[in-house]
Amino acid sequence: MKINIYHILFILLCCLPKSWAIAQESIGGMVLDAESKQRIGKVFIVNKTTGENTYNNSKGEFNLTLKPGDIIIANKENYHGDTISYAGAKALIINLKRKTIAIAPVTVMGRVSPEEILARRREEYNKAYRLADPGDFVSVGQNGAGLSIDAVYNYFSREGKNARRLTKYFQKEYEDNYIDIVFTRELVRGVTGLEGEPLDNFMIRYRPEYNFVLTADRYQLVKYIKTKYEYFKHIPYIKPLPDLKEIDLNLEN
């Protein structure tokens, strides 16, 4: 009789303790600015205990599957991250403190590099990285080659899917940080002479792709900025459109 992967997964799921499903429930929450108490949107929220993660909406609202004792982490650009332990409340309120910038933007001494940030993520979320890449499905032992049940289960489990989403987010965070290091306001200002809102618009509209920045030398980067500036001079006051919502076509999710 031929047994496929899904038969194995069905058997494993049937053997899981019922307490897993009973203990966890979907909890609604909201993220607020700690000072103004206004709602904050586009906050990345992760249940570090299970790996489940999500972004809240423009109203600051979100939902997560939680059980008492789960560790929740919230992160947003220009805000200090917050870590809390879920105690069983019916609603979860997260307050984030805005970062204060006390140094000039050109001062980069002591700045953490994108590589260091990614290394910290790998260390802090090592379980997620292990689940995201569980290894070969086929294991070799004394009795020959066989199917690795642990690898198969970890890959197709809910935790495995959440882990892959989380590690993809960290990779995107690394790429964005790398672009910020190379494509700076100081460089664009020096090449174009732009200041204020026009400079902000240019930085957003013509932000380069990671693959280009990764391989471009300074000459190529300056040439790129000059070329885009020629387009920009004709329509300098058109503000960039908001990002379109990404459509996930990955059939495994």
Foldseek 3Di string as FASTA:
>chain_A
DDDDLVNLLVVVVVPDDPVVVVQKDKAKEFEAAQPPRAGDFQKWKAQLVLLAIDTAHRRRMDIDIDGFQTWMWIDDPQWDIDIDTDHDDRYYYHYIYGDDDPDDPVDCPPPDALVNQLVVVCVSNVVLVCLLDVDDQWDQDPVGIDGDSVNSCSCLDPSSVSSVVVNVVSVVVSLVRLLPVQVDLVLLCVLQVDDDPLSVQLCVVQRDGSVCSVPDDPVRVSVSSVVVVVVCVVPSPDHDDDDDDDDDPPPSD
